[in-house]
Structures are given as C-alpha cells and as structure tokens.
Amino acid sequence: MTRGQADILCLARCCLLGLALSFLAACATGPAEATCKVGMWVEVDGTITDPEIVQSTGFPRLDEACLKGVRGQKLTPGTANGVPVRMHTILPITWRLHDGPPPPGVFMNGPTPPMRTN
C-alpha cells in the first residue's frame, strides 16, 4: 500500500466513521469486517478521477463512504521512465469492528489527523 493509499484509508476510517452505523448494526449478527475495492484513475497531477466501486462491502452506505473518502483527494502519480503518467489503480478499503481499544493508527475519537496534500 502506498502512502497516498494509506492517507485515503485513514480518511475513510476517521472522517466517515459516522456513516458506518449500518455496518455496526449488522455486525451484531454477522461478520465484523467488510472490504470495498474502489477503482480510480490517478492523473499526472495526482488528482483522482472516475472513482467507482469494483467490489462492494454489501453495505451501500459503506460503499458510498468509500467513494466519498477518495473524491477530491490526491495521490502520487505513477511514473514511466521518470515521467508522471495517468494510471488506473484499485484501492481496497477495509472496515473492521474491533473489541477493546482501537489498534494503533486508528483514530476513533479526538482530532482528525493531518492529511497529506500534494
């Protein structure tokens, strides 16, 4: 996972946690993890275009939260011979319900961590 992908994952977990309520309710009787795969183009300037759900979590609100999390973000573009190029990528975003305190790096309460911008 690239640093830019980790930034987006953090954004999806931190800023959009409120949209996960339907997932949390479903976890009472089902699995405690769901993964969404978001396909997107990363342009030469790093902007993300045409994000789409490639694999659904099975929870429409979580899928929408994943799309919302990547829209407007920037990644480091791919390169060919040292020159930035437009490239397609698929970003997996996993939502997990944990017992006990959150794992290191996951912010459940408190200030949102600073986001990297390009």
Protein backbone atom coordinates (compact mmCIF):
# COMPACT_ATOMS: atom_id res chain seq x y z
CA MET A 1 0.00 0.00 0.00
CA THR A 2 1.38 3.41 -0.91
CA ARG A 3 1.45 6.36 1.46
CA GLY A 4 -1.30 8.03 -0.55
CA GLN A 5 -3.47 4.92 -0.29
CA ALA A 6 -2.86 4.84 3.47
CA ASP A 7 -3.92 8.50 3.67
CA ILE A 8 -7.19 7.70 1.91
CA LEU A 9 -7.76 4.69 4.15
CA CYS A 10 -7.23 6.89 7.19
CA LEU A 11 -9.66 9.45 5.78
CA ALA A 12 -12.30 6.80 5.18
CA ARG A 13 -11.89 5.46 8.70
CA CYS A 14 -11.62 8.77 10.54
CA CYS A 15 -13.82 11.27 8.76
CA LEU A 16 -16.61 8.97 7.62
CA LEU A 17 -16.97 6.76 10.68
CA GLY A 18 -20.49 8.06 11.30
CA LEU A 19 -21.65 6.50 8.02
CA ALA A 20 -20.67 3.06 9.32
CA LEU A 21 -23.66 2.73 11.66
CA SER A 22 -25.47 0.28 9.38
CA PHE A 23 -22.33 -1.86 9.31
CA LEU A 24 -22.05 -1.83 13.10
CA ALA A 25 -25.67 -2.88 13.48
CA ALA A 26 -25.18 -5.74 11.03
CA CYS A 27 -22.09 -6.92 12.94
CA ALA A 28 -24.29 -7.94 15.84
CA THR A 29 -25.45 -10.91 13.76
CA GLY A 30 -22.83 -11.15 11.01
CA PRO A 31 -19.19 -10.63 10.17
CA ALA A 32 -17.19 -7.85 11.78
CA GLU A 33 -15.27 -6.91 8.64
CA ALA A 34 -16.19 -5.67 5.18
CA THR A 35 -13.92 -4.66 2.30
CA CYS A 36 -14.73 -2.35 -0.56
CA LYS A 37 -12.49 -2.05 -3.63
CA VAL A 38 -12.53 1.35 -5.34
CA GLY A 39 -11.21 1.61 -8.88
CA MET A 40 -9.93 5.03 -9.93
CA TRP A 41 -7.70 6.87 -12.35
CA VAL A 42 -4.77 8.83 -10.94
CA GLU A 43 -3.98 11.68 -13.30
CA VAL A 44 -0.49 13.05 -13.96
CA ASP A 45 -1.09 15.82 -11.39
CA GLY A 46 -2.19 13.25 -8.78
CA THR A 47 -5.91 14.04 -8.84
CA ILE A 48 -8.31 11.12 -8.62
CA THR A 49 -10.91 10.82 -11.38
CA ASP A 50 -13.75 8.41 -12.14
CA PRO A 51 -13.86 6.55 -8.81
CA GLU A 52 -16.14 3.51 -8.91
CA ILE A 53 -16.96 0.55 -6.71
CA VAL A 54 -15.23 -2.54 -8.14
CA GLN A 55 -16.18 -4.78 -5.21
CA SER A 56 -18.95 -3.87 -2.77
CA THR A 57 -18.90 -4.32 1.00
CA GLY A 58 -22.51 -5.39 0.80
CA PHE A 59 -23.47 -2.24 2.72
CA PRO A 60 -24.47 0.65 0.40
CA ARG A 61 -23.69 3.33 2.99
CA LEU A 62 -20.15 2.00 3.49
CA ASP A 63 -19.61 1.84 -0.27
CA GLU A 64 -20.73 5.46 -0.57
CA ALA A 65 -18.42 6.40 2.31
CA CYS A 66 -15.52 4.81 0.43
CA LEU A 67 -16.31 6.82 -2.70
CA LYS A 68 -16.73 10.00 -0.67
CA GLY A 69 -13.39 9.33 1.00
CA VAL A 70 -11.44 9.24 -2.27
CA ARG A 71 -13.19 12.08 -4.10
CA GLY A 72 -11.16 15.27 -4.05
CA GLN A 73 -8.01 13.56 -2.77
CA LYS A 74 -4.61 13.46 -4.45
CA LEU A 75 -2.12 10.62 -4.75
CA THR A 76 1.42 10.48 -6.00
CA PRO A 77 1.05 9.69 -9.72
CA GLY A 78 2.60 6.64 -11.33
CA THR A 79 5.66 7.16 -13.49
CA ALA A 80 7.11 5.70 -16.66
CA ASN A 81 10.80 6.42 -17.26
CA GLY A 82 10.65 9.03 -14.51
CA VAL A 83 7.74 10.93 -16.10
CA PRO A 84 4.32 11.10 -14.37
CA VAL A 85 1.65 9.15 -16.28
CA ARG A 86 -2.09 8.63 -15.95
CA MET A 87 -2.65 5.27 -14.30
CA HIS A 88 -5.57 3.14 -13.11
CA THR A 89 -5.44 1.65 -9.63
CA ILE A 90 -7.72 -0.27 -7.29
CA LEU A 91 -7.74 0.72 -3.63
CA PRO A 92 -9.06 -1.78 -1.07
CA ILE A 93 -10.72 -0.13 1.95
CA THR A 94 -11.50 -2.42 4.87
CA TRP A 95 -13.94 -1.57 7.63
CA ARG A 96 -13.37 -3.57 10.84
CA LEU A 97 -15.22 -3.77 14.12
CA HIS A 98 -12.78 -4.42 16.99
CA ASP A 99 -13.35 -5.38 20.60
CA GLY A 100 -11.46 -3.20 23.04
CA PRO A 101 -9.38 -0.15 22.21
CA PRO A 102 -8.70 0.76 18.58
CA PRO A 103 -5.48 -0.57 17.05
CA PRO A 104 -2.52 1.83 16.70
CA GLY A 105 -3.07 4.41 13.98
CA VAL A 106 -6.88 4.25 14.06
CA PHE A 107 -8.45 7.38 15.50
CA MET A 108 -11.91 6.74 16.94
CA ASN A 109 -12.20 9.94 18.97
CA GLY A 110 -10.31 13.18 19.17
CA PRO A 111 -8.90 15.39 16.46
CA THR A 112 -8.67 14.18 12.92
CA PRO A 113 -5.04 13.56 11.99
CA PRO A 114 -3.50 15.96 9.48
CA MET A 115 -3.88 14.88 5.85
CA ARG A 116 -1.01 14.92 3.38
CA THR A 117 -1.53 17.07 0.32
CA ASN A 118 0.45 17.04 -2.90
